Amino acid sequence: MQCDFQEQQEDGEDQLNISGLLELDLNKQEESSLFHLAGYCLFSVRKHGRVCDNCVLDLEDKSKAVSSGHIEALTRLKEFIPGTPHLTYCSDKAMEIIQTAEAVFRANEKKLHGNKLVNRLRQLTVTVCSDEIKKCHEIRDKFLTKFFTVRLRIHANKLNTILKSEKQKKKELEETAMARW
C-alpha cells in the first residue's frame, strides 16, 4: 500500500505520518506472531469492549483454527488442547487492519511519545484501511486501540532491554577503566 497522507502537527508535537508506507515484509515467524497478537486483541475487545456478535463476525474466522496455514501456526501451537480452538483466530479483514496498523507503528516508531499517541496512531491507520467493518459498536476503533496499547508495551519492553544493555556495557567499561588504574 502506498499513501501520501501526512498528519498536521498539533501543538508542536512530532509529526506522525504514513507517507511512503509500504507493504510489510514479514517473515513467517513475524507474520504468525502478528496473527496471534491480533487474535489476543480481538479476544480482549470481544470480552471487555461491549460489542455484539455481529461486529465480531467481521474480524473473527473460526475456520482458521483447523487450517494448516503458516500464519495460524503459533496460535495453534499455543492451544491448550490441540484441535479444540480456545484461542481467537482473526479473519483476513482483521489481519489487513493489523498489518496496516503495524506498518503505521513501524513508520512512526521513533516518534512514540506524548499524549494521545494511541488515538493518533489509530486515526492514521483508519485513513488507510478499507471501511468494510460494521460500525455499530466501533469495533475497529476498539480493536486498533487494543493493538496499539499492546504494541506500545512491547516497544517499551524492547527499549527497556536496550537501555539495560547499554547501562551494563557502560558499567563494565567503567570497571575495566578503574581496574587499569
N, C-alpha and C. Protein backbone atom coordinates (compact mmCIF):
# COMPACT_ATOMS: atom_id res chain seq x y z
N MET A 1 0.84 -1.17 0.00
CA MET A 1 0.00 0.00 0.00
C MET A 1 0.88 1.23 0.00
N GLN A 2 0.55 2.18 -0.78
CA GLN A 2 1.30 3.43 -0.90
C GLN A 2 0.35 4.57 -0.57
N CYS A 3 0.79 5.48 0.28
CA CYS A 3 -0.10 6.56 0.69
C CYS A 3 0.70 7.84 0.87
N ASP A 4 0.11 8.95 0.51
CA ASP A 4 0.81 10.23 0.63
C ASP A 4 0.21 11.13 1.70
N PHE A 5 -0.64 10.60 2.55
CA PHE A 5 -1.26 11.38 3.62
C PHE A 5 -0.22 11.72 4.67
N GLN A 6 -0.29 12.91 5.22
CA GLN A 6 0.59 13.29 6.31
C GLN A 6 -0.22 14.10 7.31
N GLU A 7 -0.21 13.66 8.58
CA GLU A 7 -0.98 14.35 9.62
C GLU A 7 -0.33 15.69 9.94
N GLN A 8 -1.15 16.70 10.15
CA GLN A 8 -0.65 18.01 10.52
C GLN A 8 -0.15 17.99 11.95
N GLN A 9 0.87 18.81 12.24
CA GLN A 9 1.40 18.89 13.59
C GLN A 9 0.37 19.52 14.50
N GLU A 10 0.29 18.99 15.73
CA GLU A 10 -0.60 19.54 16.74
C GLU A 10 0.24 20.07 17.88
N ASP A 11 0.17 21.34 18.13
CA ASP A 11 0.86 21.97 19.25
C ASP A 11 2.35 21.60 19.30
N GLY A 12 3.02 21.56 18.16
CA GLY A 12 4.45 21.31 18.14
C GLY A 12 4.84 19.86 18.38
N GLU A 13 3.88 18.94 18.44
CA GLU A 13 4.20 17.54 18.66
C GLU A 13 4.90 17.00 17.42
N ASP A 14 5.69 15.94 17.63
CA ASP A 14 6.32 15.29 16.48
C ASP A 14 5.23 14.85 15.52
N GLN A 15 5.53 14.98 14.27
CA GLN A 15 4.56 14.65 13.24
C GLN A 15 4.54 13.14 13.00
N LEU A 16 3.36 12.56 13.05
CA LEU A 16 3.19 11.17 12.66
C LEU A 16 2.80 11.15 11.21
N ASN A 17 3.27 10.16 10.47
CA ASN A 17 2.90 10.14 9.07
C ASN A 17 2.77 8.72 8.54
N ILE A 18 2.12 8.65 7.40
CA ILE A 18 2.03 7.39 6.68
C ILE A 18 2.52 7.60 5.25
N SER A 19 3.29 8.64 5.07
CA SER A 19 3.85 8.95 3.76
C SER A 19 4.84 7.85 3.37
N GLY A 20 4.66 7.32 2.18
CA GLY A 20 5.57 6.29 1.70
C GLY A 20 5.41 4.95 2.39
N LEU A 21 4.28 4.73 3.02
CA LEU A 21 4.03 3.48 3.73
C LEU A 21 3.99 2.33 2.73
N LEU A 22 4.75 1.30 2.98
CA LEU A 22 4.83 0.17 2.07
C LEU A 22 4.29 -1.09 2.73
N GLU A 23 4.08 -2.11 1.91
CA GLU A 23 3.68 -3.41 2.45
C GLU A 23 4.74 -3.88 3.43
N LEU A 24 4.31 -4.51 4.50
CA LEU A 24 5.26 -5.08 5.44
C LEU A 24 5.93 -6.29 4.81
N ASP A 25 7.20 -6.42 5.03
CA ASP A 25 7.92 -7.59 4.56
C ASP A 25 8.22 -8.44 5.79
N LEU A 26 7.22 -9.22 6.22
CA LEU A 26 7.36 -10.02 7.43
C LEU A 26 7.76 -11.45 7.08
N ASN A 27 8.66 -12.01 7.90
CA ASN A 27 8.96 -13.43 7.72
C ASN A 27 7.83 -14.24 8.35
N LYS A 28 7.87 -15.56 8.21
CA LYS A 28 6.77 -16.41 8.69
C LYS A 28 6.56 -16.28 10.19
N GLN A 29 7.64 -16.20 10.96
CA GLN A 29 7.52 -16.09 12.41
C GLN A 29 6.87 -14.76 12.81
N GLU A 30 7.29 -13.67 12.17
CA GLU A 30 6.70 -12.36 12.48
C GLU A 30 5.23 -12.32 12.09
N GLU A 31 4.90 -12.89 10.95
CA GLU A 31 3.52 -12.91 10.49
C GLU A 31 2.65 -13.74 11.45
N SER A 32 3.17 -14.87 11.89
CA SER A 32 2.45 -15.72 12.82
C SER A 32 2.29 -15.03 14.18
N SER A 33 3.32 -14.33 14.63
CA SER A 33 3.24 -13.58 15.90
C SER A 33 2.21 -12.46 15.79
N LEU A 34 2.20 -11.78 14.66
CA LEU A 34 1.24 -10.70 14.46
C LEU A 34 -0.19 -11.25 14.44
N PHE A 35 -0.39 -12.41 13.81
CA PHE A 35 -1.70 -13.06 13.79
C PHE A 35 -2.14 -13.41 15.21
N HIS A 36 -1.21 -13.96 15.99
CA HIS A 36 -1.53 -14.33 17.38
C HIS A 36 -1.86 -13.09 18.21
N LEU A 37 -1.08 -12.03 18.04
CA LEU A 37 -1.34 -10.78 18.75
C LEU A 37 -2.70 -10.21 18.35
N ALA A 38 -3.02 -10.27 17.07
CA ALA A 38 -4.33 -9.79 16.59
C ALA A 38 -5.45 -10.60 17.23
N GLY A 39 -5.26 -11.91 17.34
CA GLY A 39 -6.26 -12.76 17.99
C GLY A 39 -6.45 -12.38 19.45
N TYR A 40 -5.35 -12.11 20.14
CA TYR A 40 -5.44 -11.67 21.53
C TYR A 40 -6.21 -10.36 21.64
N CYS A 41 -5.89 -9.41 20.76
CA CYS A 41 -6.57 -8.11 20.78
C CYS A 41 -8.06 -8.28 20.51
N LEU A 42 -8.41 -9.12 19.54
CA LEU A 42 -9.81 -9.35 19.22
C LEU A 42 -10.53 -10.02 20.39
N PHE A 43 -9.89 -11.01 21.01
CA PHE A 43 -10.47 -11.67 22.18
C PHE A 43 -10.76 -10.65 23.28
N SER A 44 -9.79 -9.78 23.54
CA SER A 44 -9.93 -8.78 24.59
C SER A 44 -11.06 -7.79 24.28
N VAL A 45 -11.14 -7.36 23.03
CA VAL A 45 -12.22 -6.44 22.63
C VAL A 45 -13.57 -7.12 22.77
N ARG A 46 -13.64 -8.38 22.35
CA ARG A 46 -14.90 -9.12 22.44
C ARG A 46 -15.32 -9.28 23.91
N LYS A 47 -14.36 -9.56 24.78
CA LYS A 47 -14.66 -9.80 26.18
C LYS A 47 -14.97 -8.52 26.95
N HIS A 48 -14.23 -7.46 26.71
CA HIS A 48 -14.34 -6.24 27.52
C HIS A 48 -14.88 -5.04 26.77
N GLY A 49 -15.05 -5.13 25.46
CA GLY A 49 -15.36 -3.96 24.66
C GLY A 49 -16.83 -3.67 24.42
N ARG A 50 -17.71 -4.48 25.00
CA ARG A 50 -19.15 -4.28 24.81
C ARG A 50 -19.51 -4.19 23.33
N VAL A 51 -19.22 -5.24 22.63
CA VAL A 51 -19.54 -5.32 21.21
C VAL A 51 -20.47 -6.50 20.98
N CYS A 52 -21.25 -6.42 19.92
CA CYS A 52 -22.18 -7.51 19.61
C CYS A 52 -21.48 -8.60 18.79
N ASP A 53 -22.08 -9.77 18.75
CA ASP A 53 -21.52 -10.88 17.98
C ASP A 53 -21.43 -10.54 16.50
N ASN A 54 -22.36 -9.72 16.03
CA ASN A 54 -22.38 -9.32 14.63
C ASN A 54 -21.10 -8.56 14.26
N CYS A 55 -20.65 -7.69 15.16
CA CYS A 55 -19.41 -6.93 14.92
C CYS A 55 -18.22 -7.88 14.85
N VAL A 56 -18.16 -8.80 15.79
CA VAL A 56 -17.02 -9.70 15.91
C VAL A 56 -16.91 -10.61 14.69
N LEU A 57 -18.04 -10.96 14.09
CA LEU A 57 -18.04 -11.86 12.93
C LEU A 57 -17.18 -11.34 11.79
N ASP A 58 -17.09 -10.03 11.64
CA ASP A 58 -16.26 -9.44 10.58
C ASP A 58 -14.77 -9.70 10.81
N LEU A 59 -14.38 -9.78 12.08
CA LEU A 59 -12.96 -9.85 12.40
C LEU A 59 -12.48 -11.24 12.81
N GLU A 60 -13.40 -12.15 13.09
CA GLU A 60 -13.02 -13.49 13.56
C GLU A 60 -13.29 -14.53 12.47
N ASP A 61 -12.43 -15.53 12.40
CA ASP A 61 -12.60 -16.62 11.44
C ASP A 61 -12.28 -17.94 12.13
N LYS A 62 -13.31 -18.59 12.65
CA LYS A 62 -13.11 -19.84 13.39
C LYS A 62 -12.60 -20.97 12.51
N SER A 63 -12.82 -20.87 11.21
CA SER A 63 -12.36 -21.93 10.30
C SER A 63 -10.83 -22.01 10.26
N LYS A 64 -10.15 -20.94 10.61
CA LYS A 64 -8.69 -20.95 10.59
C LYS A 64 -8.11 -21.79 11.72
N ALA A 65 -8.94 -22.15 12.71
CA ALA A 65 -8.47 -22.99 13.81
C ALA A 65 -8.08 -24.37 13.31
N VAL A 66 -8.68 -24.81 12.22
CA VAL A 66 -8.34 -26.12 11.66
C VAL A 66 -7.54 -25.99 10.37
N SER A 67 -7.19 -24.79 10.01
CA SER A 67 -6.40 -24.53 8.80
C SER A 67 -4.96 -25.00 9.03
N SER A 68 -4.26 -25.26 7.97
CA SER A 68 -2.87 -25.69 8.11
C SER A 68 -1.90 -24.62 7.62
N GLY A 69 -2.36 -23.39 7.50
CA GLY A 69 -1.50 -22.31 7.03
C GLY A 69 -0.45 -21.93 8.05
N HIS A 70 0.67 -21.35 7.57
CA HIS A 70 1.75 -20.98 8.48
C HIS A 70 1.38 -19.81 9.38
N ILE A 71 0.48 -18.95 8.92
CA ILE A 71 0.15 -17.76 9.71
C ILE A 71 -0.55 -18.13 11.03
N GLU A 72 -1.29 -19.23 11.03
CA GLU A 72 -2.01 -19.67 12.23
C GLU A 72 -1.16 -20.59 13.11
N ALA A 73 0.04 -20.91 12.69
CA ALA A 73 0.86 -21.93 13.36
C ALA A 73 1.11 -21.61 14.84
N LEU A 74 1.50 -20.40 15.16
CA LEU A 74 1.79 -20.05 16.55
C LEU A 74 0.53 -20.14 17.41
N THR A 75 -0.58 -19.67 16.90
CA THR A 75 -1.83 -19.72 17.66
C THR A 75 -2.23 -21.17 17.89
N ARG A 76 -2.13 -22.01 16.86
CA ARG A 76 -2.45 -23.44 17.03
C ARG A 76 -1.51 -24.08 18.04
N LEU A 77 -0.23 -23.71 18.00
CA LEU A 77 0.75 -24.26 18.92
C LEU A 77 0.42 -23.89 20.37
N LYS A 78 -0.14 -22.72 20.57
CA LYS A 78 -0.45 -22.25 21.92
C LYS A 78 -1.80 -22.75 22.44
N GLU A 79 -2.54 -23.46 21.61
CA GLU A 79 -3.80 -24.05 22.08
C GLU A 79 -3.49 -25.03 23.21
N PHE A 80 -4.30 -25.00 24.26
CA PHE A 80 -4.09 -25.91 25.38
C PHE A 80 -4.40 -27.35 24.99
N ILE A 81 -5.48 -27.53 24.25
CA ILE A 81 -5.87 -28.85 23.79
C ILE A 81 -5.88 -28.81 22.27
N PRO A 82 -4.91 -29.44 21.63
CA PRO A 82 -4.85 -29.39 20.16
C PRO A 82 -6.17 -29.82 19.52
N GLY A 83 -6.57 -29.10 18.51
CA GLY A 83 -7.81 -29.42 17.80
C GLY A 83 -9.06 -28.85 18.45
N THR A 84 -8.92 -28.25 19.62
CA THR A 84 -10.06 -27.64 20.31
C THR A 84 -9.77 -26.14 20.41
N PRO A 85 -10.33 -25.35 19.51
CA PRO A 85 -9.97 -23.92 19.48
C PRO A 85 -10.49 -23.14 20.70
N HIS A 86 -9.56 -22.72 21.53
CA HIS A 86 -9.89 -21.87 22.67
C HIS A 86 -9.38 -20.45 22.43
N LEU A 87 -8.45 -20.32 21.52
CA LEU A 87 -7.90 -19.01 21.21
C LEU A 87 -8.67 -18.41 20.04
N THR A 88 -8.48 -17.12 19.83
CA THR A 88 -9.22 -16.40 18.80
C THR A 88 -8.40 -16.34 17.51
N TYR A 89 -9.04 -16.69 16.41
CA TYR A 89 -8.42 -16.67 15.09
C TYR A 89 -9.03 -15.53 14.29
N CYS A 90 -8.18 -14.69 13.74
CA CYS A 90 -8.64 -13.49 13.02
C CYS A 90 -8.97 -13.79 11.57
N SER A 91 -9.88 -12.99 11.05
CA SER A 91 -10.24 -13.07 9.63
C SER A 91 -9.18 -12.34 8.80
N ASP A 92 -9.29 -12.49 7.50
CA ASP A 92 -8.39 -11.78 6.60
C ASP A 92 -8.57 -10.27 6.74
N LYS A 93 -9.81 -9.82 6.96
CA LYS A 93 -10.07 -8.37 7.16
C LYS A 93 -9.33 -7.87 8.39
N ALA A 94 -9.39 -8.66 9.48
CA ALA A 94 -8.71 -8.26 10.72
C ALA A 94 -7.21 -8.19 10.50
N MET A 95 -6.66 -9.15 9.77
CA MET A 95 -5.22 -9.15 9.51
C MET A 95 -4.82 -7.98 8.62
N GLU A 96 -5.68 -7.60 7.69
CA GLU A 96 -5.39 -6.43 6.86
C GLU A 96 -5.31 -5.18 7.73
N ILE A 97 -6.25 -5.06 8.67
CA ILE A 97 -6.24 -3.91 9.58
C ILE A 97 -4.98 -3.92 10.43
N ILE A 98 -4.63 -5.08 11.00
CA ILE A 98 -3.47 -5.18 11.88
C ILE A 98 -2.17 -4.99 11.12
N GLN A 99 -2.08 -5.49 9.91
CA GLN A 99 -0.86 -5.28 9.13
C GLN A 99 -0.69 -3.81 8.78
N THR A 100 -1.79 -3.13 8.49
CA THR A 100 -1.73 -1.69 8.25
C THR A 100 -1.31 -0.97 9.53
N ALA A 101 -1.90 -1.39 10.65
CA ALA A 101 -1.56 -0.79 11.94
C ALA A 101 -0.08 -1.01 12.27
N GLU A 102 0.44 -2.19 12.00
CA GLU A 102 1.85 -2.48 12.26
C GLU A 102 2.75 -1.62 11.36
N ALA A 103 2.35 -1.44 10.11
CA ALA A 103 3.13 -0.59 9.21
C ALA A 103 3.14 0.85 9.70
N VAL A 104 1.98 1.35 10.15
CA VAL A 104 1.90 2.71 10.70
C VAL A 104 2.77 2.80 11.94
N PHE A 105 2.71 1.78 12.80
CA PHE A 105 3.51 1.77 14.02
C PHE A 105 5.00 1.83 13.68
N ARG A 106 5.43 0.97 12.77
CA ARG A 106 6.85 0.93 12.41
C ARG A 106 7.31 2.22 11.74
N ALA A 107 6.45 2.83 10.94
CA ALA A 107 6.81 4.08 10.27
C ALA A 107 6.99 5.22 11.26
N ASN A 108 6.35 5.11 12.42
CA ASN A 108 6.39 6.19 13.41
C ASN A 108 7.05 5.77 14.72
N GLU A 109 7.74 4.64 14.73
CA GLU A 109 8.30 4.05 15.94
C GLU A 109 9.22 5.00 16.70
N LYS A 110 9.99 5.79 15.99
CA LYS A 110 10.95 6.68 16.65
C LYS A 110 10.28 7.92 17.26
N LYS A 111 9.03 8.15 16.94
CA LYS A 111 8.33 9.34 17.42
C LYS A 111 7.32 9.00 18.51
N LEU A 112 7.45 7.83 19.10
CA LEU A 112 6.42 7.35 20.01
C LEU A 112 6.58 7.91 21.42
N HIS A 113 6.03 9.06 21.62
CA HIS A 113 5.96 9.66 22.95
C HIS A 113 4.85 10.69 22.92
N GLY A 114 4.49 11.19 24.06
CA GLY A 114 3.46 12.23 24.12
C GLY A 114 2.08 11.68 24.40
N ASN A 115 1.18 12.59 24.65
CA ASN A 115 -0.20 12.24 24.98
C ASN A 115 -0.98 11.88 23.73
N LYS A 116 -2.00 11.13 23.91
CA LYS A 116 -2.96 10.79 22.85
C LYS A 116 -2.32 10.02 21.71
N LEU A 117 -1.22 9.35 21.98
CA LEU A 117 -0.50 8.64 20.92
C LEU A 117 -1.33 7.52 20.31
N VAL A 118 -1.97 6.72 21.15
CA VAL A 118 -2.76 5.61 20.64
C VAL A 118 -3.85 6.12 19.71
N ASN A 119 -4.52 7.20 20.10
CA ASN A 119 -5.57 7.76 19.25
C ASN A 119 -5.01 8.28 17.93
N ARG A 120 -3.85 8.90 17.97
CA ARG A 120 -3.25 9.42 16.74
C ARG A 120 -2.85 8.28 15.80
N LEU A 121 -2.26 7.22 16.36
CA LEU A 121 -1.90 6.06 15.54
C LEU A 121 -3.14 5.40 14.96
N ARG A 122 -4.19 5.28 15.78
CA ARG A 122 -5.44 4.67 15.32
C ARG A 122 -6.04 5.49 14.18
N GLN A 123 -6.07 6.81 14.33
CA GLN A 123 -6.64 7.67 13.30
C GLN A 123 -5.85 7.56 11.99
N LEU A 124 -4.53 7.48 12.08
CA LEU A 124 -3.71 7.30 10.88
C LEU A 124 -4.03 5.98 10.19
N THR A 125 -4.17 4.93 10.97
CA THR A 125 -4.46 3.61 10.40
C THR A 125 -5.82 3.60 9.72
N VAL A 126 -6.80 4.22 10.35
CA VAL A 126 -8.16 4.26 9.79
C VAL A 126 -8.18 4.96 8.44
N THR A 127 -7.31 5.94 8.24
CA THR A 127 -7.28 6.64 6.95
C THR A 127 -6.82 5.74 5.82
N VAL A 128 -6.08 4.69 6.14
CA VAL A 128 -5.54 3.79 5.12
C VAL A 128 -6.39 2.54 4.95
N CYS A 129 -7.02 2.07 6.01
CA CYS A 129 -7.77 0.80 5.99
C CYS A 129 -9.05 0.91 5.17
N SER A 130 -9.44 -0.24 4.62
CA SER A 130 -10.74 -0.30 3.95
C SER A 130 -11.82 -0.14 5.01
N ASP A 131 -12.99 0.30 4.59
CA ASP A 131 -14.05 0.64 5.53
C ASP A 131 -15.19 -0.38 5.45
N GLU A 132 -14.85 -1.67 5.47
CA GLU A 132 -15.85 -2.72 5.30
C GLU A 132 -16.33 -3.31 6.61
N ILE A 133 -15.87 -2.81 7.74
CA ILE A 133 -16.21 -3.38 9.04
C ILE A 133 -17.48 -2.72 9.57
N LYS A 134 -18.31 -3.52 10.23
CA LYS A 134 -19.53 -2.98 10.84
C LYS A 134 -19.17 -1.89 11.84
N LYS A 135 -20.05 -0.92 12.00
CA LYS A 135 -19.74 0.23 12.84
C LYS A 135 -20.62 0.35 14.08
N CYS A 136 -21.50 -0.61 14.32
CA CYS A 136 -22.48 -0.44 15.39
C CYS A 136 -21.86 -0.29 16.77
N HIS A 137 -20.72 -0.88 17.03
CA HIS A 137 -20.09 -0.77 18.35
C HIS A 137 -18.65 -0.27 18.27
N GLU A 138 -18.30 0.37 17.17
CA GLU A 138 -16.95 0.91 16.98
C GLU A 138 -15.88 -0.15 17.20
N ILE A 139 -16.14 -1.36 16.72
CA ILE A 139 -15.21 -2.48 16.97
C ILE A 139 -13.84 -2.23 16.35
N ARG A 140 -13.79 -1.63 15.17
CA ARG A 140 -12.49 -1.37 14.55
C ARG A 140 -11.65 -0.46 15.43
N ASP A 141 -12.25 0.60 15.97
CA ASP A 141 -11.52 1.52 16.83
C ASP A 141 -11.06 0.82 18.11
N LYS A 142 -11.92 0.00 18.69
CA LYS A 142 -11.55 -0.72 19.91
C LYS A 142 -10.44 -1.73 19.62
N PHE A 143 -10.55 -2.41 18.49
CA PHE A 143 -9.55 -3.39 18.07
C PHE A 143 -8.20 -2.72 17.86
N LEU A 144 -8.18 -1.60 17.15
CA LEU A 144 -6.93 -0.88 16.91
C LEU A 144 -6.36 -0.28 18.19
N THR A 145 -7.22 0.25 19.05
CA THR A 145 -6.76 0.81 20.32
C THR A 145 -6.08 -0.26 21.15
N LYS A 146 -6.68 -1.44 21.21
CA LYS A 146 -6.08 -2.55 21.96
C LYS A 146 -4.75 -2.94 21.33
N PHE A 147 -4.71 -3.05 20.01
CA PHE A 147 -3.47 -3.42 19.32
C PHE A 147 -2.36 -2.43 19.64
N PHE A 148 -2.62 -1.14 19.48
CA PHE A 148 -1.57 -0.15 19.70
C PHE A 148 -1.15 -0.08 21.16
N THR A 149 -2.07 -0.31 22.09
CA THR A 149 -1.72 -0.33 23.51
C THR A 149 -0.74 -1.48 23.78
N VAL A 150 -1.07 -2.66 23.28
CA VAL A 150 -0.19 -3.82 23.47
C VAL A 150 1.13 -3.60 22.72
N ARG A 151 1.06 -3.07 21.52
CA ARG A 151 2.26 -2.86 20.70
C ARG A 151 3.20 -1.86 21.37
N LEU A 152 2.64 -0.84 22.01
CA LEU A 152 3.47 0.13 22.73
C LEU A 152 4.14 -0.52 23.94
N ARG A 153 3.43 -1.43 24.61
CA ARG A 153 4.05 -2.16 25.73
C ARG A 153 5.23 -2.99 25.24
N ILE A 154 5.05 -3.67 24.12
CA ILE A 154 6.14 -4.48 23.55
C ILE A 154 7.31 -3.57 23.19
N HIS A 155 7.02 -2.43 22.58
CA HIS A 155 8.07 -1.48 22.20
C HIS A 155 8.79 -0.95 23.44
N ALA A 156 8.04 -0.65 24.49
CA ALA A 156 8.64 -0.15 25.73
C ALA A 156 9.55 -1.21 26.35
N ASN A 157 9.12 -2.46 26.33
CA ASN A 157 9.96 -3.54 26.85
C ASN A 157 11.25 -3.66 26.04
N LYS A 158 11.14 -3.53 24.72
CA LYS A 158 12.32 -3.59 23.85
C LYS A 158 13.29 -2.45 24.18
N LEU A 159 12.75 -1.24 24.34
CA LEU A 159 13.59 -0.09 24.69
C LEU A 159 14.23 -0.28 26.06
N ASN A 160 13.47 -0.82 26.99
CA ASN A 160 13.98 -1.07 28.34
C ASN A 160 15.14 -2.06 28.29
N THR A 161 15.03 -3.09 27.49
CA THR A 161 16.09 -4.08 27.34
C THR A 161 17.34 -3.42 26.75
N ILE A 162 17.16 -2.58 25.76
CA ILE A 162 18.28 -1.87 25.15
C ILE A 162 18.96 -0.95 26.16
N LEU A 163 18.16 -0.21 26.93
CA LEU A 163 18.72 0.68 27.95
C LEU A 163 19.49 -0.09 29.01
N LYS A 164 18.95 -1.22 29.45
CA LYS A 164 19.64 -2.04 30.45
C LYS A 164 20.96 -2.55 29.89
N SER A 165 20.95 -2.96 28.64
CA SER A 165 22.17 -3.46 28.00
C SER A 165 23.22 -2.36 27.91
N GLU A 166 22.80 -1.16 27.50
CA GLU A 166 23.73 -0.03 27.40
C GLU A 166 24.28 0.34 28.78
N LYS A 167 23.42 0.30 29.78
CA LYS A 167 23.85 0.61 31.15
C LYS A 167 24.87 -0.42 31.63
N GLN A 168 24.62 -1.69 31.32
CA GLN A 168 25.54 -2.75 31.71
C GLN A 168 26.89 -2.59 31.01
N LYS A 169 26.87 -2.26 29.72
CA LYS A 169 28.12 -2.05 28.98
C LYS A 169 28.91 -0.88 29.56
N LYS A 170 28.20 0.20 29.90
CA LYS A 170 28.86 1.37 30.49
C LYS A 170 29.49 1.00 31.83
N LYS A 171 28.76 0.23 32.61
CA LYS A 171 29.28 -0.20 33.92
C LYS A 171 30.53 -1.05 33.75
N GLU A 172 30.50 -1.97 32.78
CA GLU A 172 31.66 -2.83 32.52
C GLU A 172 32.86 -2.01 32.06
N LEU A 173 32.61 -1.00 31.21
CA LEU A 173 33.70 -0.13 30.76
C LEU A 173 34.30 0.65 31.92
N GLU A 174 33.44 1.14 32.80
CA GLU A 174 33.93 1.88 33.97
C GLU A 174 34.76 0.97 34.88
N GLU A 175 34.29 -0.27 35.08
CA GLU A 175 35.03 -1.21 35.92
C GLU A 175 36.38 -1.56 35.29
N THR A 176 36.40 -1.72 33.97
CA THR A 176 37.64 -2.02 33.27
C THR A 176 38.61 -0.84 33.39
N ALA A 177 38.09 0.36 33.23
CA ALA A 177 38.93 1.56 33.34
C ALA A 177 39.48 1.70 34.76
N MET A 178 38.66 1.43 35.75
CA MET A 178 39.10 1.54 37.15
C MET A 178 40.14 0.46 37.47
N ALA A 179 39.99 -0.72 36.88
CA ALA A 179 40.93 -1.81 37.14
C ALA A 179 42.31 -1.49 36.55
N ARG A 180 42.33 -0.72 35.48
CA ARG A 180 43.61 -0.37 34.85
C ARG A 180 44.36 0.68 35.66
N TRP A 181 43.70 1.46 36.46
CA TRP A 181 44.36 2.50 37.27
C TRP A 181 45.00 1.84 38.40
